[in-house]
Amino acid sequence: MGLERKMFRGMFAPGELVELRQMCFTPGRVFQPGKYIVGELPDVAFEMGLVERLSPVKGKTAEIQYTETPPETESSPEAES
């Protein structure tokens, strides 16, 4: 008999970033695989074992913060002359 892996939302910090490994269907929404904050996912995703803790980031990339990318600036002919 195999071991069953029980998970629940309380295993993670409320603002922790986790990875949803498979699609999760709920009556109101379909969650695509990807990275989510724990509070964004339904309890069923944790109960079914679809959520994994992200591995810690090492090195200089740990210092990089996620920010929105600035809008692209269009170069106009007047600015080039």
PDB file of N, CA and C in Angstrom:
ATOM      1  N   MET A   1       0.843  -1.181   0.000  1.00  0.00           N
ATOM      2  CA  MET A   1       0.000   0.000   0.000  1.00  0.00           C
ATOM      3  C   MET A   1       0.893   1.251   0.000  1.00  0.00           C
ATOM      4  N   GLY A   2       0.607   2.194  -0.867  1.00  0.00           N
ATOM      5  CA  GLY A   2       1.412   3.401  -0.993  1.00  0.00           C
ATOM      6  C   GLY A   2       1.087   4.431   0.075  1.00  0.00           C
ATOM      7  N   LEU A   3       1.998   5.337   0.253  1.00  0.00           N
ATOM      8  CA  LEU A   3       1.791   6.427   1.199  1.00  0.00           C
ATOM      9  C   LEU A   3       0.968   7.521   0.543  1.00  0.00           C
ATOM     10  N   GLU A   4       0.032   8.054   1.287  1.00  0.00           N
ATOM     11  CA  GLU A   4      -0.790   9.140   0.772  1.00  0.00           C
ATOM     12  C   GLU A   4      -0.235  10.458   1.283  1.00  0.00           C
ATOM     13  N   ARG A   5      -0.082  11.403   0.410  1.00  0.00           N
ATOM     14  CA  ARG A   5       0.459  12.711   0.771  1.00  0.00           C
ATOM     15  C   ARG A   5      -0.698  13.659   1.025  1.00  0.00           C
ATOM     16  N   LYS A   6      -0.932  14.004   2.287  1.00  0.00           N
ATOM     17  CA  LYS A   6      -2.012  14.930   2.642  1.00  0.00           C
ATOM     18  C   LYS A   6      -1.458  16.337   2.716  1.00  0.00           C
ATOM     19  N   MET A   7      -2.132  17.259   2.064  1.00  0.00           N
ATOM     20  CA  MET A   7      -1.724  18.661   2.096  1.00  0.00           C
ATOM     21  C   MET A   7      -2.936  19.510   2.431  1.00  0.00           C
ATOM     22  N   PHE A   8      -2.668  20.680   2.969  1.00  0.00           N
ATOM     23  CA  PHE A   8      -3.732  21.643   3.212  1.00  0.00           C
ATOM     24  C   PHE A   8      -3.143  23.042   3.163  1.00  0.00           C
ATOM     25  N   ARG A   9      -4.005  24.029   3.045  1.00  0.00           N
ATOM     26  CA  ARG A   9      -3.589  25.426   2.879  1.00  0.00           C
ATOM     27  C   ARG A   9      -2.714  25.900   4.039  1.00  0.00           C
ATOM     28  N   GLY A  10      -2.960  25.387   5.244  1.00  0.00           N
ATOM     29  CA  GLY A  10      -2.225  25.819   6.429  1.00  0.00           C
ATOM     30  C   GLY A  10      -0.752  25.458   6.411  1.00  0.00           C
ATOM     31  N   MET A  11      -0.331  24.626   5.493  1.00  0.00           N
ATOM     32  CA  MET A  11       1.085  24.254   5.391  1.00  0.00           C
ATOM     33  C   MET A  11       1.918  25.379   4.779  1.00  0.00           C
ATOM     34  N   PHE A  12       1.270  26.365   4.210  1.00  0.00           N
ATOM     35  CA  PHE A  12       1.948  27.453   3.513  1.00  0.00           C
ATOM     36  C   PHE A  12       1.616  28.781   4.183  1.00  0.00           C
ATOM     37  N   ALA A  13       2.528  29.739   4.080  1.00  0.00           N
ATOM     38  CA  ALA A  13       2.274  31.095   4.573  1.00  0.00           C
ATOM     39  C   ALA A  13       1.221  31.741   3.673  1.00  0.00           C
ATOM     40  N   PRO A  14       0.359  32.598   4.228  1.00  0.00           N
ATOM     41  CA  PRO A  14      -0.727  33.199   3.430  1.00  0.00           C
ATOM     42  C   PRO A  14      -0.265  33.933   2.171  1.00  0.00           C
ATOM     43  N   GLY A  15       0.883  34.579   2.190  1.00  0.00           N
ATOM     44  CA  GLY A  15       1.352  35.322   1.026  1.00  0.00           C
ATOM     45  C   GLY A  15       2.417  34.595   0.233  1.00  0.00           C
ATOM     46  N   GLU A  16       2.634  33.318   0.526  1.00  0.00           N
ATOM     47  CA  GLU A  16       3.693  32.555  -0.136  1.00  0.00           C
ATOM     48  C   GLU A  16       3.358  32.287  -1.603  1.00  0.00           C
ATOM     49  N   LEU A  17       4.367  32.309  -2.425  1.00  0.00           N
ATOM     50  CA  LEU A  17       4.219  32.015  -3.845  1.00  0.00           C
ATOM     51  C   LEU A  17       4.413  30.511  -4.042  1.00  0.00           C
ATOM     52  N   VAL A  18       3.420  29.851  -4.643  1.00  0.00           N
ATOM     53  CA  VAL A  18       3.473  28.408  -4.866  1.00  0.00           C
ATOM     54  C   VAL A  18       3.219  28.123  -6.341  1.00  0.00           C
ATOM     55  N   GLU A  19       3.469  26.884  -6.738  1.00  0.00           N
ATOM     56  CA  GLU A  19       3.241  26.495  -8.125  1.00  0.00           C
ATOM     57  C   GLU A  19       2.108  25.492  -8.204  1.00  0.00           C
ATOM     58  N   LEU A  20       1.135  25.778  -9.053  1.00  0.00           N
ATOM     59  CA  LEU A  20       0.056  24.844  -9.348  1.00  0.00           C
ATOM     60  C   LEU A  20       0.559  23.964 -10.478  1.00  0.00           C
ATOM     61  N   ARG A  21       0.681  22.664 -10.225  1.00  0.00           N
ATOM     62  CA  ARG A  21       1.316  21.752 -11.177  1.00  0.00           C
ATOM     63  C   ARG A  21       0.377  21.265 -12.284  1.00  0.00           C
ATOM     64  N   GLN A  22      -0.925  21.219 -12.012  1.00  0.00           N
ATOM     65  CA  GLN A  22      -1.897  20.742 -12.998  1.00  0.00           C
ATOM     66  C   GLN A  22      -3.093  21.670 -12.997  1.00  0.00           C
ATOM     67  N   MET A  23      -3.916  21.558 -14.020  1.00  0.00           N
ATOM     68  CA  MET A  23      -5.139  22.352 -14.076  1.00  0.00           C
ATOM     69  C   MET A  23      -6.027  21.980 -12.903  1.00  0.00           C
ATOM     70  N   CYS A  24      -6.717  22.966 -12.355  1.00  0.00           N
ATOM     71  CA  CYS A  24      -7.635  22.750 -11.239  1.00  0.00           C
ATOM     72  C   CYS A  24      -8.997  23.322 -11.642  1.00  0.00           C
ATOM     73  N   PHE A  25      -9.997  22.462 -11.664  1.00  0.00           N
ATOM     74  CA  PHE A  25     -11.341  22.863 -12.064  1.00  0.00           C
ATOM     75  C   PHE A  25     -12.209  23.060 -10.828  1.00  0.00           C
ATOM     76  N   THR A  26     -12.859  24.210 -10.743  1.00  0.00           N
ATOM     77  CA  THR A  26     -13.841  24.463  -9.698  1.00  0.00           C
ATOM     78  C   THR A  26     -15.137  24.855 -10.405  1.00  0.00           C
ATOM     79  N   PRO A  27     -16.255  24.847  -9.706  1.00  0.00           N
ATOM     80  CA  PRO A  27     -17.511  25.225 -10.374  1.00  0.00           C
ATOM     81  C   PRO A  27     -17.488  26.636 -10.963  1.00  0.00           C
ATOM     82  N   GLY A  28     -16.697  27.535 -10.382  1.00  0.00           N
ATOM     83  CA  GLY A  28     -16.701  28.907 -10.865  1.00  0.00           C
ATOM     84  C   GLY A  28     -15.521  29.317 -11.712  1.00  0.00           C
ATOM     85  N   ARG A  29     -14.472  28.486 -11.747  1.00  0.00           N
ATOM     86  CA  ARG A  29     -13.263  28.925 -12.445  1.00  0.00           C
ATOM     87  C   ARG A  29     -12.356  27.739 -12.770  1.00  0.00           C
ATOM     88  N   VAL A  30     -11.541  27.913 -13.800  1.00  0.00           N
ATOM     89  CA  VAL A  30     -10.510  26.936 -14.150  1.00  0.00           C
ATOM     90  C   VAL A  30      -9.169  27.614 -13.880  1.00  0.00           C
ATOM     91  N   PHE A  31      -8.331  26.980 -13.067  1.00  0.00           N
ATOM     92  CA  PHE A  31      -7.007  27.508 -12.750  1.00  0.00           C
ATOM     93  C   PHE A  31      -5.981  26.794 -13.612  1.00  0.00           C
ATOM     94  N   GLN A  32      -5.232  27.552 -14.391  1.00  0.00           N
ATOM     95  CA  GLN A  32      -4.194  27.011 -15.255  1.00  0.00           C
ATOM     96  C   GLN A  32      -2.930  26.752 -14.438  1.00  0.00           C
ATOM     97  N   PRO A  33      -2.093  25.810 -14.834  1.00  0.00           N
ATOM     98  CA  PRO A  33      -0.826  25.598 -14.131  1.00  0.00           C
ATOM     99  C   PRO A  33       0.024  26.864 -14.163  1.00  0.00           C
ATOM    100  N   GLY A  34       0.724  27.112 -13.081  1.00  0.00           N
ATOM    101  CA  GLY A  34       1.568  28.297 -12.999  1.00  0.00           C
ATOM    102  C   GLY A  34       1.802  28.693 -11.562  1.00  0.00           C
ATOM    103  N   LYS A  35       2.320  29.892 -11.367  1.00  0.00           N
ATOM    104  CA  LYS A  35       2.636  30.396 -10.033  1.00  0.00           C
ATOM    105  C   LYS A  35       1.491  31.255  -9.512  1.00  0.00           C
ATOM    106  N   TYR A  36       1.129  31.010  -8.264  1.00  0.00           N
ATOM    107  CA  TYR A  36       0.039  31.727  -7.611  1.00  0.00           C
ATOM    108  C   TYR A  36       0.419  32.038  -6.176  1.00  0.00           C
ATOM    109  N   ILE A  37      -0.218  33.043  -5.616  1.00  0.00           N
ATOM    110  CA  ILE A  37      -0.132  33.295  -4.182  1.00  0.00           C
ATOM    111  C   ILE A  37      -1.115  32.336  -3.528  1.00  0.00           C
ATOM    112  N   VAL A  38      -0.741  31.801  -2.367  1.00  0.00           N
ATOM    113  CA  VAL A  38      -1.545  30.783  -1.681  1.00  0.00           C
ATOM    114  C   VAL A  38      -3.014  31.190  -1.577  1.00  0.00           C
ATOM    115  N   GLY A  39      -3.295  32.436  -1.248  1.00  0.00           N
ATOM    116  CA  GLY A  39      -4.669  32.899  -1.067  1.00  0.00           C
ATOM    117  C   GLY A  39      -5.511  32.917  -2.335  1.00  0.00           C
ATOM    118  N   GLU A  40      -4.891  32.843  -3.507  1.00  0.00           N
ATOM    119  CA  GLU A  40      -5.623  32.881  -4.775  1.00  0.00           C
ATOM    120  C   GLU A  40      -6.194  31.528  -5.165  1.00  0.00           C
ATOM    121  N   LEU A  41      -5.647  30.444  -4.612  1.00  0.00           N
ATOM    122  CA  LEU A  41      -6.058  29.097  -5.007  1.00  0.00           C
ATOM    123  C   LEU A  41      -7.136  28.539  -4.090  1.00  0.00           C
ATOM    124  N   PRO A  42      -8.014  27.696  -4.618  1.00  0.00           N
ATOM    125  CA  PRO A  42      -9.054  27.088  -3.790  1.00  0.00           C
ATOM    126  C   PRO A  42      -8.483  25.963  -2.920  1.00  0.00           C
ATOM    127  N   ASP A  43      -9.170  25.646  -1.833  1.00  0.00           N
ATOM    128  CA  ASP A  43      -8.736  24.581  -0.924  1.00  0.00           C
ATOM    129  C   ASP A  43      -8.572  23.250  -1.641  1.00  0.00           C
ATOM    130  N   VAL A  44      -9.424  22.978  -2.614  1.00  0.00           N
ATOM    131  CA  VAL A  44      -9.385  21.692  -3.307  1.00  0.00           C
ATOM    132  C   VAL A  44      -8.051  21.470  -4.015  1.00  0.00           C
ATOM    133  N   ALA A  45      -7.394  22.528  -4.470  1.00  0.00           N
ATOM    134  CA  ALA A  45      -6.095  22.396  -5.134  1.00  0.00           C
ATOM    135  C   ALA A  45      -5.047  21.853  -4.155  1.00  0.00           C
ATOM    136  N   PHE A  46      -5.135  22.277  -2.905  1.00  0.00           N
ATOM    137  CA  PHE A  46      -4.200  21.801  -1.885  1.00  0.00           C
ATOM    138  C   PHE A  46      -4.546  20.373  -1.484  1.00  0.00           C
ATOM    139  N   GLU A  47      -5.828  20.108  -1.297  1.00  0.00           N
ATOM    140  CA  GLU A  47      -6.280  18.786  -0.867  1.00  0.00           C
ATOM    141  C   GLU A  47      -5.955  17.707  -1.896  1.00  0.00           C
ATOM    142  N   MET A  48      -6.003  18.058  -3.172  1.00  0.00           N
ATOM    143  CA  MET A  48      -5.714  17.092  -4.227  1.00  0.00           C
ATOM    144  C   MET A  48      -4.215  16.948  -4.492  1.00  0.00           C
ATOM    145  N   GLY A  49      -3.392  17.753  -3.819  1.00  0.00           N
ATOM    146  CA  GLY A  49      -1.947  17.659  -4.004  1.00  0.00           C
ATOM    147  C   GLY A  49      -1.455  18.279  -5.290  1.00  0.00           C
ATOM    148  N   LEU A  50      -2.175  19.266  -5.807  1.00  0.00           N
ATOM    149  CA  LEU A  50      -1.787  19.905  -7.066  1.00  0.00           C
ATOM    150  C   LEU A  50      -0.811  21.056  -6.865  1.00  0.00           C
ATOM    151  N   VAL A  51      -0.573  21.429  -5.608  1.00  0.00           N
ATOM    152  CA  VAL A  51       0.249  22.589  -5.293  1.00  0.00           C
ATOM    153  C   VAL A  51       1.597  22.144  -4.751  1.00  0.00           C
ATOM    154  N   GLU A  52       2.660  22.783  -5.231  1.00  0.00           N
ATOM    155  CA  GLU A  52       4.020  22.489  -4.768  1.00  0.00           C
ATOM    156  C   GLU A  52       4.657  23.774  -4.267  1.00  0.00           C
ATOM    157  N   ARG A  53       5.460  23.651  -3.247  1.00  0.00           N
ATOM    158  CA  ARG A  53       6.237  24.784  -2.751  1.00  0.00           C
ATOM    159  C   ARG A  53       7.349  25.051  -3.767  1.00  0.00           C
ATOM    160  N   LEU A  54       7.612  26.313  -4.069  1.00  0.00           N
ATOM    161  CA  LEU A  54       8.684  26.673  -4.998  1.00  0.00           C
ATOM    162  C   LEU A  54      10.024  26.470  -4.311  1.00  0.00           C
ATOM    163  N   SER A  55      10.998  26.006  -5.058  1.00  0.00           N
ATOM    164  CA  SER A  55      12.319  25.816  -4.486  1.00  0.00           C
ATOM    165  C   SER A  55      12.938  27.181  -4.205  1.00  0.00           C
ATOM    166  N   PRO A  56      13.752  27.274  -3.172  1.00  0.00           N
ATOM    167  CA  PRO A  56      14.355  28.566  -2.848  1.00  0.00           C
ATOM    168  C   PRO A  56      15.289  29.034  -3.953  1.00  0.00           C
ATOM    169  N   VAL A  57      15.311  30.330  -4.161  1.00  0.00           N
ATOM    170  CA  VAL A  57      16.156  30.925  -5.186  1.00  0.00           C
ATOM    171  C   VAL A  57      17.506  31.224  -4.555  1.00  0.00           C
ATOM    172  N   LYS A  58      18.569  30.881  -5.254  1.00  0.00           N
ATOM    173  CA  LYS A  58      19.918  31.093  -4.723  1.00  0.00           C
ATOM    174  C   LYS A  58      20.662  32.125  -5.555  1.00  0.00           C
ATOM    175  N   GLY A  59      21.639  32.760  -4.945  1.00  0.00           N
ATOM    176  CA  GLY A  59      22.513  33.680  -5.667  1.00  0.00           C
ATOM    177  C   GLY A  59      21.919  35.057  -5.859  1.00  0.00           C
ATOM    178  N   LYS A  60      22.401  35.753  -6.874  1.00  0.00           N
ATOM    179  CA  LYS A  60      21.986  37.128  -7.123  1.00  0.00           C
ATOM    180  C   LYS A  60      20.530  37.231  -7.541  1.00  0.00           C
ATOM    181  N   THR A  61      19.982  36.176  -8.114  1.00  0.00           N
ATOM    182  CA  THR A  61      18.590  36.246  -8.559  1.00  0.00           C
ATOM    183  C   THR A  61      17.637  36.353  -7.388  1.00  0.00           C
ATOM    184  N   ALA A  62      18.081  35.995  -6.185  1.00  0.00           N
ATOM    185  CA  ALA A  62      17.231  36.118  -5.002  1.00  0.00           C
ATOM    186  C   ALA A  62      16.965  37.580  -4.685  1.00  0.00           C
ATOM    187  N   GLU A  63      17.842  38.469  -5.142  1.00  0.00           N
ATOM    188  CA  GLU A  63      17.689  39.889  -4.861  1.00  0.00           C
ATOM    189  C   GLU A  63      16.750  40.578  -5.844  1.00  0.00           C
ATOM    190  N   ILE A  64      16.441  39.935  -6.942  1.00  0.00           N
ATOM    191  CA  ILE A  64      15.581  40.528  -7.969  1.00  0.00           C
ATOM    192  C   ILE A  64      14.142  40.526  -7.470  1.00  0.00           C
ATOM    193  N   GLN A  65      13.493  41.676  -7.552  1.00  0.00           N
ATOM    194  CA  GLN A  65      12.106  41.765  -7.134  1.00  0.00           C
ATOM    195  C   GLN A  65      11.230  41.809  -8.375  1.00  0.00           C
ATOM    196  N   TYR A  66      10.028  41.239  -8.263  1.00  0.00           N
ATOM    197  CA  TYR A  66       9.115  41.224  -9.397  1.00  0.00           C
ATOM    198  C   TYR A  66       8.454  42.589  -9.486  1.00  0.00           C
ATOM    199  N   THR A  67       8.594  43.237 -10.635  1.00  0.00           N
ATOM    200  CA  THR A  67       7.958  44.519 -10.876  1.00  0.00           C
ATOM    201  C   THR A  67       7.333  44.491 -12.255  1.00  0.00           C
ATOM    202  N   GLU A  68       6.421  45.399 -12.457  1.00  0.00           N
ATOM    203  CA  GLU A  68       5.802  45.483 -13.776  1.00  0.00           C
ATOM    204  C   GLU A  68       6.818  46.063 -14.753  1.00  0.00           C
ATOM    205  N   THR A  69       6.792  45.581 -15.972  1.00  0.00           N
ATOM    206  CA  THR A  69       7.711  46.100 -16.977  1.00  0.00           C
ATOM    207  C   THR A  69       7.218  47.464 -17.441  1.00  0.00           C
ATOM    208  N   PRO A  70       8.124  48.397 -17.643  1.00  0.00           N
ATOM    209  CA  PRO A  70       7.703  49.724 -18.091  1.00  0.00           C
ATOM    210  C   PRO A  70       7.162  49.648 -19.515  1.00  0.00           C
ATOM    211  N   PRO A  71       6.217  50.506 -19.842  1.00  0.00           N
ATOM    212  CA  PRO A  71       5.684  50.481 -21.209  1.00  0.00           C
ATOM    213  C   PRO A  71       6.782  50.833 -22.202  1.00  0.00           C
ATOM    214  N   GLU A  72       6.713  50.193 -23.351  1.00  0.00           N
ATOM    215  CA  GLU A  72       7.717  50.450 -24.378  1.00  0.00           C
ATOM    216  C   GLU A  72       7.544  51.854 -24.936  1.00  0.00           C
ATOM    217  N   THR A  73       8.651  52.527 -25.124  1.00  0.00           N
ATOM    218  CA  THR A  73       8.591  53.869 -25.686  1.00  0.00           C
ATOM    219  C   THR A  73       8.820  53.775 -27.179  1.00  0.00           C
ATOM    220  N   GLU A  74       7.995  54.448 -27.902  1.00  0.00           N
ATOM    221  CA  GLU A  74       8.117  54.449 -29.359  1.00  0.00           C
ATOM    222  C   GLU A  74       9.051  55.577 -29.750  1.00  0.00           C
ATOM    223  N   SER A  75      10.000  55.286 -30.612  1.00  0.00           N
ATOM    224  CA  SER A  75      10.909  56.349 -31.070  1.00  0.00           C
ATOM    225  C   SER A  75      10.254  57.060 -32.235  1.00  0.00           C
ATOM    226  N   SER A  76      10.255  58.355 -32.144  1.00  0.00           N
ATOM    227  CA  SER A  76       9.668  59.140 -33.228  1.00  0.00           C
ATOM    228  C   SER A  76      10.802  59.727 -34.082  1.00  0.00           C
ATOM    229  N   PRO A  77      10.523  60.049 -35.327  1.00  0.00           N
ATOM    230  CA  PRO A  77      11.576  60.608 -36.202  1.00  0.00           C
ATOM    231  C   PRO A  77      12.159  61.903 -35.645  1.00  0.00           C
ATOM    232  N   GLU A  78      11.336  62.692 -34.903  1.00  0.00           N
ATOM    233  CA  GLU A  78      11.838  63.951 -34.375  1.00  0.00           C
ATOM    234  C   GLU A  78      12.859  63.723 -33.290  1.00  0.00           C
ATOM    235  N   ALA A  79      12.697  62.633 -32.513  1.00  0.00           N
ATOM    236  CA  ALA A  79      13.619  62.381 -31.403  1.00  0.00           C
ATOM    237  C   ALA A  79      14.968  61.914 -31.897  1.00  0.00           C
ATOM    238  N   GLU A  80      15.033  61.337 -33.097  1.00  0.00           N
ATOM    239  CA  GLU A  80      16.290  60.828 -33.633  1.00  0.00           C
ATOM    240  C   GLU A  80      17.152  61.906 -34.250  1.00  0.00           C
ATOM    241  N   SER A  81      16.596  63.063 -34.624  1.00  0.00           N
ATOM    242  CA  SER A  81      17.391  64.085 -35.301  1.00  0.00           C
ATOM    243  C   SER A  81      18.023  65.064 -34.360  1.00  0.00           C
TER     244      SER A  81
END
